[in-house]
Amino acid sequence: MRSELIIDLKKLDHNLEVIKTAAQNNPKIMAVIKDDAYGHGAVKVSQHLTSKVDWFCVATLEEGIELRNADIDNPILIYEVPDAERILQFKEHNLTATVSDLENFETLIPGINYQINFDTGMRRLGIAPTNVEQVLQKMTELKDNECVGVYTHFSSADEPDNERVKQQMNLFADVISKFPSSMFVHISNSGGIFHYGNTGSHLKGIRPGICLYGYSSGDTKISNLMPIMSWKSHIMQIRKVEKGEGIGYGHFWKAPTSGIVGTIPVGYGDGLPRLLSGKISFKINGKLLPQIGRISMDYCAVFSKDEQSFSVKDDVYLLDGEELTAKYWADEIDTIAYEITTQVHPKVKKTYLE
């Protein structure tokens, strides 16, 4: 095995408790496990959480069907716009559709539950709040479909004290005031949970996403969260190098002194970003050693001036969930932890610590 992701489900449970503590009013938990649980494995993560959360949220119909085929019985909300050609599958697999445009009401067939997404400022998907009366009329016309929720999505909740968040909350409050008080409503994503809480008795659910996996959604660190992903490989081969010798494509790196170079069978074909070349360290035998040279499709390398620091077959931690995290990588290449974890290739085996 060239490398493996190690997903610590005990840390996932820890993060869930942190989330529940941060939220107010004991809301229903809608675990967001879209895009293969942000790269952590949607089936295994959902199977572990099935008795601990109320809903699952996914991006696509195919993701919802995958969970049903894995015997997940929780309600599942599909974010994407329902497609008329595949609408029957929502009914066949008991999946909850999202209505994010007035035309979507016409797509539904009898027996499909749905939730309504209002666009209060994200400007991506959702019905304009000015159309709320038309929405209510459409709902009364659909005698064979039940609306089981109303929601919106924050655009800037990863930033504390952002005025746009407050504007969205006020606009959403106006929208849902037109609905029965018993309606299930939700707004807070990961940033909303930690920076704005689940304020207001009318808000009955939260949608934790990246925070489940141990990361804050923005630059403000949430100290109690624990990254649940580690990435382990090994030293495949060792070469002695002399001062000035170049390594890898283009000899991008030259040895500052004599030492050893260890080849690791992980590259950008596995999801290790090439842009990280020469910018990060890996952990070997408890010590951080610099990654050197260009990261290639299937390999990367580390250097040590101490020839005794590692041997062939020694474990190498690219990520360890402590010092070495997806956030650490993301900061080096001006991106976000979401992108790092979701681009690990599915061919990399996942091992789960229960």
Protein backbone atom coordinates (compact mmCIF):
# COMPACT_ATOMS: atom_id res chain seq x y z
CA MET A 1 0.00 0.00 0.00
CA ARG A 2 1.46 3.31 -1.07
CA SER A 3 -0.41 5.44 1.46
CA GLU A 4 -3.56 5.54 3.54
CA LEU A 5 -5.88 8.08 5.10
CA ILE A 6 -6.58 7.41 8.75
CA ILE A 7 -9.95 8.81 9.86
CA ASP A 8 -10.35 9.03 13.64
CA LEU A 9 -14.04 8.63 14.42
CA LYS A 10 -13.45 9.28 18.12
CA LYS A 11 -12.35 12.78 17.16
CA LEU A 12 -15.46 13.08 15.01
CA ASP A 13 -17.56 12.34 18.10
CA HIS A 14 -15.56 14.93 20.02
CA ASN A 15 -16.23 17.56 17.36
CA LEU A 16 -19.92 16.76 17.38
CA GLU A 17 -20.05 17.43 21.13
CA VAL A 18 -18.19 20.72 20.63
CA ILE A 19 -20.76 21.67 17.99
CA LYS A 20 -23.68 20.83 20.27
CA THR A 21 -22.17 22.94 23.04
CA ALA A 22 -21.69 25.93 20.71
CA ALA A 23 -25.23 25.73 19.34
CA GLN A 24 -28.17 27.06 21.28
CA ASN A 25 -31.68 25.75 21.85
CA ASN A 26 -30.75 22.07 21.38
CA PRO A 27 -31.27 22.08 17.59
CA LYS A 28 -31.63 19.12 15.27
CA ILE A 29 -28.24 18.23 13.79
CA MET A 30 -28.09 18.07 9.99
CA ALA A 31 -24.65 16.61 9.26
CA VAL A 32 -23.27 17.83 5.93
CA ILE A 33 -21.48 14.93 4.26
CA LYS A 34 -21.49 16.10 0.65
CA ASP A 35 -18.51 15.40 -1.62
CA ASP A 36 -17.69 12.15 0.15
CA ALA A 37 -17.89 13.81 3.58
CA TYR A 38 -15.38 16.45 2.48
CA GLY A 39 -13.03 13.66 1.46
CA HIS A 40 -13.40 11.63 4.66
CA GLY A 41 -15.71 8.93 3.28
CA ALA A 42 -19.45 9.63 3.27
CA VAL A 43 -20.64 6.06 3.83
CA LYS A 44 -18.45 5.29 6.84
CA VAL A 45 -18.94 8.73 8.37
CA SER A 46 -22.72 8.57 7.99
CA GLN A 47 -22.88 5.01 9.32
CA HIS A 48 -20.99 6.16 12.39
CA LEU A 49 -23.21 9.22 12.89
CA THR A 50 -26.58 7.72 12.02
CA SER A 51 -27.74 7.41 15.64
CA LYS A 52 -26.09 10.69 16.69
CA VAL A 53 -27.57 13.17 14.22
CA ASP A 54 -31.03 13.85 12.86
CA TRP A 55 -30.46 14.54 9.15
CA PHE A 56 -27.79 14.20 6.51
CA CYS A 57 -27.25 16.83 3.82
CA VAL A 58 -25.60 16.06 0.48
CA ALA A 59 -25.00 17.95 -2.74
CA THR A 60 -26.38 15.55 -5.32
CA LEU A 61 -29.01 12.91 -5.91
CA GLU A 62 -26.30 10.31 -6.50
CA GLU A 63 -24.81 11.02 -3.08
CA GLY A 64 -28.19 10.50 -1.46
CA ILE A 65 -28.73 7.21 -3.25
CA GLU A 66 -25.29 6.04 -2.16
CA LEU A 67 -26.28 6.54 1.47
CA ARG A 68 -29.60 4.73 1.03
CA ASN A 69 -27.75 1.82 -0.58
CA ALA A 70 -25.57 1.74 2.56
CA ASP A 71 -28.73 1.31 4.69
CA ILE A 72 -28.76 4.86 6.06
CA ASP A 73 -32.33 5.55 7.21
CA ASN A 74 -32.03 9.17 8.40
CA PRO A 75 -33.80 11.86 6.42
CA ILE A 76 -31.50 13.08 3.64
CA LEU A 77 -31.70 16.56 2.14
CA ILE A 78 -30.46 16.98 -1.43
CA TYR A 79 -29.17 20.50 -2.11
CA GLU A 80 -29.11 20.47 -5.91
CA VAL A 81 -31.98 21.54 -8.15
CA PRO A 82 -34.26 18.52 -8.81
CA ASP A 83 -34.11 17.22 -12.37
CA ALA A 84 -37.41 16.24 -14.01
CA GLU A 85 -35.75 13.28 -15.74
CA ARG A 86 -34.62 11.82 -12.41
CA ILE A 87 -37.33 13.04 -10.08
CA LEU A 88 -38.81 9.56 -9.60
CA GLN A 89 -35.59 8.51 -7.83
CA PHE A 90 -36.33 10.97 -5.02
CA LYS A 91 -39.51 9.02 -4.32
CA GLU A 92 -37.94 5.59 -4.82
CA HIS A 93 -35.18 6.33 -2.29
CA ASN A 94 -37.20 8.53 0.08
CA LEU A 95 -34.97 11.58 -0.45
CA THR A 96 -35.95 15.14 0.38
CA ALA A 97 -35.75 17.54 -2.54
CA THR A 98 -34.85 21.22 -2.38
CA VAL A 99 -37.10 23.76 -4.06
CA SER A 100 -34.87 26.72 -4.89
CA ASP A 101 -36.89 28.22 -7.74
CA LEU A 102 -40.62 28.61 -8.28
CA GLU A 103 -40.34 26.37 -11.34
CA ASN A 104 -39.08 23.51 -9.14
CA PHE A 105 -42.58 23.08 -7.74
CA GLU A 106 -43.66 21.88 -11.16
CA THR A 107 -40.91 19.25 -11.17
CA LEU A 108 -42.14 17.48 -8.03
CA ILE A 109 -44.34 14.42 -8.36
CA PRO A 110 -46.78 13.15 -5.70
CA GLY A 111 -45.18 11.57 -2.67
CA ILE A 112 -41.95 13.60 -2.59
CA ASN A 113 -41.16 15.68 0.50
CA TYR A 114 -39.28 18.91 -0.03
CA GLN A 115 -37.62 21.83 1.71
CA ILE A 116 -37.53 25.40 0.43
CA ASN A 117 -34.28 27.32 0.01
CA PHE A 118 -34.59 31.13 0.11
CA ASP A 119 -31.78 33.30 -1.22
CA THR A 120 -31.21 35.93 1.46
CA GLY A 121 -27.82 37.05 0.18
CA MET A 122 -25.69 34.13 -1.01
CA ARG A 123 -26.83 34.77 -4.60
CA ARG A 124 -26.23 31.18 -5.64
CA LEU A 125 -29.38 29.09 -5.34
CA GLY A 126 -32.67 29.97 -3.72
CA ILE A 127 -35.99 31.73 -4.14
CA ALA A 128 -36.09 35.51 -3.71
CA PRO A 129 -37.74 36.54 -0.42
CA THR A 130 -40.01 38.85 -2.42
CA ASN A 131 -41.64 35.70 -3.84
CA VAL A 132 -42.67 34.27 -0.47
CA GLU A 133 -46.39 34.77 -1.12
CA GLN A 134 -46.10 32.89 -4.42
CA VAL A 135 -44.30 30.11 -2.58
CA LEU A 136 -47.09 29.83 -0.04
CA GLN A 137 -49.63 29.63 -2.85
CA LYS A 138 -47.66 26.89 -4.59
CA MET A 139 -47.52 24.94 -1.34
CA THR A 140 -51.30 24.96 -1.00
CA GLU A 141 -51.63 23.66 -4.57
CA LEU A 142 -49.35 20.69 -3.90
CA LYS A 143 -51.75 18.44 -2.00
CA ASP A 144 -49.60 15.32 -2.38
CA ASN A 145 -46.26 16.80 -1.29
CA GLU A 146 -45.19 17.91 2.18
CA CYS A 147 -42.90 20.83 2.87
CA VAL A 148 -40.69 19.57 5.72
CA GLY A 149 -38.38 22.55 6.08
CA VAL A 150 -37.34 26.07 5.08
CA TYR A 151 -33.74 27.23 5.00
CA THR A 152 -31.23 29.74 3.71
CA HIS A 153 -27.44 29.84 3.47
CA PHE A 154 -25.02 32.36 4.98
CA SER A 155 -22.53 33.99 2.65
CA SER A 156 -20.12 35.38 5.25
CA ALA A 157 -20.64 33.57 8.55
CA ASP A 158 -17.00 32.50 8.66
CA GLU A 159 -16.29 36.10 9.75
CA PRO A 160 -17.45 37.13 13.25
CA ASP A 161 -19.54 40.31 13.48
CA ASN A 162 -20.14 40.50 9.74
CA GLU A 163 -22.95 42.90 8.91
CA ARG A 164 -24.12 40.78 5.95
CA VAL A 165 -24.87 37.91 8.31
CA LYS A 166 -27.06 40.10 10.45
CA GLN A 167 -28.87 41.35 7.35
CA GLN A 168 -29.50 37.77 6.21
CA MET A 169 -30.78 36.74 9.63
CA ASN A 170 -33.23 39.63 9.67
CA LEU A 171 -34.40 38.94 6.12
CA PHE A 172 -34.85 35.24 6.86
CA ALA A 173 -36.81 36.05 10.01
CA ASP A 174 -39.20 38.09 7.89
CA VAL A 175 -39.58 35.22 5.42
CA ILE A 176 -40.32 32.50 7.94
CA SER A 177 -42.74 34.70 9.85
CA LYS A 178 -45.12 33.92 6.96
CA PHE A 179 -44.91 30.18 7.67
CA PRO A 180 -46.50 28.20 10.50
CA SER A 181 -44.48 28.43 13.73
CA SER A 182 -44.16 24.65 13.70
CA MET A 183 -42.20 24.71 10.43
CA PHE A 184 -38.70 23.21 10.64
CA VAL A 185 -36.29 26.06 9.79
CA HIS A 186 -32.51 26.24 9.71
CA ILE A 187 -29.78 28.65 8.70
CA SER A 188 -26.46 28.09 10.53
CA ASN A 189 -23.57 26.43 8.73
CA SER A 190 -20.21 25.84 10.45
CA GLY A 191 -19.39 29.53 10.70
CA GLY A 192 -22.88 30.40 11.83
CA ILE A 193 -22.79 27.83 14.63
CA PHE A 194 -19.60 29.12 16.22
CA HIS A 195 -19.76 32.83 15.48
CA TYR A 196 -23.49 33.49 15.65
CA GLY A 197 -25.03 30.51 17.48
CA ASN A 198 -28.45 29.15 16.67
CA THR A 199 -30.07 32.29 18.00
CA GLY A 200 -33.82 32.59 17.91
CA SER A 201 -36.35 30.02 19.04
CA HIS A 202 -37.66 29.83 15.47
CA LEU A 203 -34.41 28.21 14.28
CA LYS A 204 -34.74 24.49 14.86
CA GLY A 205 -31.74 22.99 13.02
CA ILE A 206 -28.05 23.53 12.25
CA ARG A 207 -25.95 22.26 9.36
CA PRO A 208 -22.40 21.51 10.55
CA GLY A 209 -20.03 20.79 7.68
CA ILE A 210 -16.29 21.43 7.83
CA CYS A 211 -16.41 21.77 11.63
CA LEU A 212 -17.39 18.10 11.92
CA TYR A 213 -14.05 17.23 10.38
CA GLY A 214 -12.05 19.47 12.68
CA TYR A 215 -11.73 22.83 10.97
CA SER A 216 -13.21 26.28 11.31
CA SER A 217 -14.80 27.66 8.17
CA GLY A 218 -12.63 30.79 8.12
CA ASP A 219 -9.48 32.27 9.58
CA THR A 220 -10.84 32.48 13.12
CA LYS A 221 -9.62 29.31 14.82
CA ILE A 222 -12.05 27.21 16.86
CA SER A 223 -9.68 25.87 19.49
CA ASN A 224 -11.65 22.81 20.60
CA LEU A 225 -12.06 21.25 17.16
CA MET A 226 -9.79 18.33 16.27
CA PRO A 227 -8.90 17.42 12.65
CA ILE A 228 -9.96 13.82 12.14
CA MET A 229 -7.80 13.04 9.09
CA SER A 230 -4.20 11.81 9.06
CA TRP A 231 -2.32 10.71 5.93
CA LYS A 232 0.39 8.10 6.29
CA SER A 233 2.87 6.72 3.78
CA HIS A 234 6.41 5.37 4.03
CA ILE A 235 9.97 5.76 2.81
CA MET A 236 10.25 3.73 -0.39
CA GLN A 237 13.86 4.41 -1.26
CA ILE A 238 16.84 6.39 0.04
CA ARG A 239 19.57 8.20 -1.90
CA LYS A 240 22.72 9.85 -0.53
CA VAL A 241 23.27 13.34 -1.90
CA GLU A 242 26.18 15.75 -1.82
CA LYS A 243 26.05 19.49 -1.37
CA GLY A 244 24.82 21.20 -4.53
CA GLU A 245 23.18 18.16 -6.10
CA GLY A 246 19.79 18.79 -7.69
CA ILE A 247 16.74 16.64 -6.99
CA GLY A 248 13.62 15.95 -9.05
CA TYR A 249 12.11 17.70 -12.05
CA GLY A 250 14.05 20.79 -13.10
CA HIS A 251 16.37 20.37 -10.13
CA PHE A 252 14.01 22.78 -8.39
CA TRP A 253 15.86 22.01 -5.14
CA LYS A 254 19.60 21.61 -4.56
CA ALA A 255 21.09 20.04 -1.45
CA PRO A 256 22.41 22.69 0.96
CA THR A 257 24.74 20.08 2.45
CA SER A 258 25.40 16.38 2.17
CA GLY A 259 22.72 14.08 3.53
CA ILE A 260 20.00 11.66 2.43
CA VAL A 261 16.86 12.03 0.34
CA GLY A 262 13.91 9.76 1.01
CA THR A 263 11.42 9.01 -1.76
CA ILE A 264 7.76 8.77 -0.69
CA PRO A 265 5.16 7.15 -3.01
CA VAL A 266 2.64 10.02 -2.87
CA GLY A 267 2.20 12.77 -5.43
CA TYR A 268 -0.31 15.09 -6.97
CA GLY A 269 -2.00 12.09 -8.57
CA ASP A 270 -2.96 11.11 -5.01
CA GLY A 271 -4.12 14.60 -4.12
CA LEU A 272 -0.93 16.13 -2.70
CA PRO A 273 -0.98 19.59 -4.31
CA ARG A 274 2.00 20.31 -6.55
CA LEU A 275 1.86 23.92 -5.40
CA LEU A 276 3.07 22.74 -1.97
CA SER A 277 6.45 21.78 -3.43
CA GLY A 278 9.17 22.84 -1.02
CA LYS A 279 6.74 24.57 1.35
CA ILE A 280 5.81 21.90 3.90
CA SER A 281 7.29 19.33 6.25
CA PHE A 282 6.44 15.70 6.95
CA LYS A 283 6.82 13.82 10.23
CA ILE A 284 9.16 10.83 10.35
CA ASN A 285 10.09 9.11 13.60
CA GLY A 286 8.63 12.00 15.54
CA LYS A 287 10.65 14.69 13.76
CA LEU A 288 9.59 17.22 11.12
CA LEU A 289 11.65 17.04 7.94
CA PRO A 290 11.32 19.29 4.89
CA GLN A 291 9.64 18.10 1.72
CA ILE A 292 12.05 19.00 -1.08
CA GLY A 293 11.97 19.19 -4.86
CA ARG A 294 8.98 19.26 -7.16
CA ILE A 295 6.08 17.08 -6.09
CA SER A 296 5.51 14.78 -9.05
CA MET A 297 2.48 12.74 -10.04
CA ASP A 298 3.33 9.69 -7.95
CA TYR A 299 6.24 10.68 -5.72
CA CYS A 300 7.67 13.32 -3.45
CA ALA A 301 10.82 13.53 -1.35
CA VAL A 302 12.20 14.57 2.03
CA PHE A 303 15.75 15.54 3.04
CA SER A 304 17.84 15.11 6.15
CA LYS A 305 21.50 15.89 6.74
CA ASP A 306 21.45 13.13 9.37
CA GLU A 307 21.87 9.81 7.56
CA GLN A 308 20.43 7.96 10.56
CA SER A 309 17.17 9.93 10.71
CA PHE A 310 15.12 7.48 8.65
CA SER A 311 15.28 4.12 6.93
CA VAL A 312 13.43 2.37 4.13
CA LYS A 313 9.87 1.43 5.19
CA ASP A 314 9.74 3.98 8.00
CA ASP A 315 6.32 5.59 8.40
CA VAL A 316 5.89 9.08 7.00
CA TYR A 317 3.02 11.29 8.15
CA LEU A 318 2.05 13.83 5.55
CA LEU A 319 -0.82 14.87 7.81
CA ASP A 320 -1.08 13.93 11.46
CA GLY A 321 -4.12 15.90 12.62
CA GLU A 322 -1.96 17.83 15.09
CA GLU A 323 0.99 19.83 13.77
CA LEU A 324 0.38 18.77 10.20
CA THR A 325 -3.16 19.58 9.13
CA ALA A 326 -5.10 20.49 6.02
CA LYS A 327 -5.23 24.06 7.35
CA TYR A 328 -1.42 24.13 7.49
CA TRP A 329 -1.25 23.09 3.84
CA ALA A 330 -4.03 25.46 2.84
CA ASP A 331 -2.29 28.46 4.40
CA GLU A 332 0.84 27.73 2.39
CA ILE A 333 -0.96 27.97 -0.95
CA ASP A 334 -3.64 30.53 -0.11
CA THR A 335 -6.62 28.19 -0.18
CA ILE A 336 -8.93 26.55 2.38
CA ALA A 337 -8.92 23.24 4.23
CA TYR A 338 -12.04 22.18 2.31
CA GLU A 339 -10.08 22.08 -0.95
CA ILE A 340 -7.23 20.09 0.58
CA THR A 341 -9.38 17.32 2.07
CA THR A 342 -11.75 17.00 -0.90
CA GLN A 343 -9.01 16.60 -3.49
CA VAL A 344 -7.41 13.50 -1.93
CA HIS A 345 -7.94 10.90 -4.65
CA PRO A 346 -10.44 8.11 -3.92
CA LYS A 347 -7.73 5.56 -4.76
CA VAL A 348 -6.07 6.37 -1.43
CA LYS A 349 -7.32 3.75 1.01
CA LYS A 350 -9.19 4.94 4.08
CA THR A 351 -8.77 3.29 7.48
CA TYR A 352 -11.18 4.18 10.28
CA LEU A 353 -10.40 4.29 14.00
CA GLU A 354 -13.63 3.48 15.82
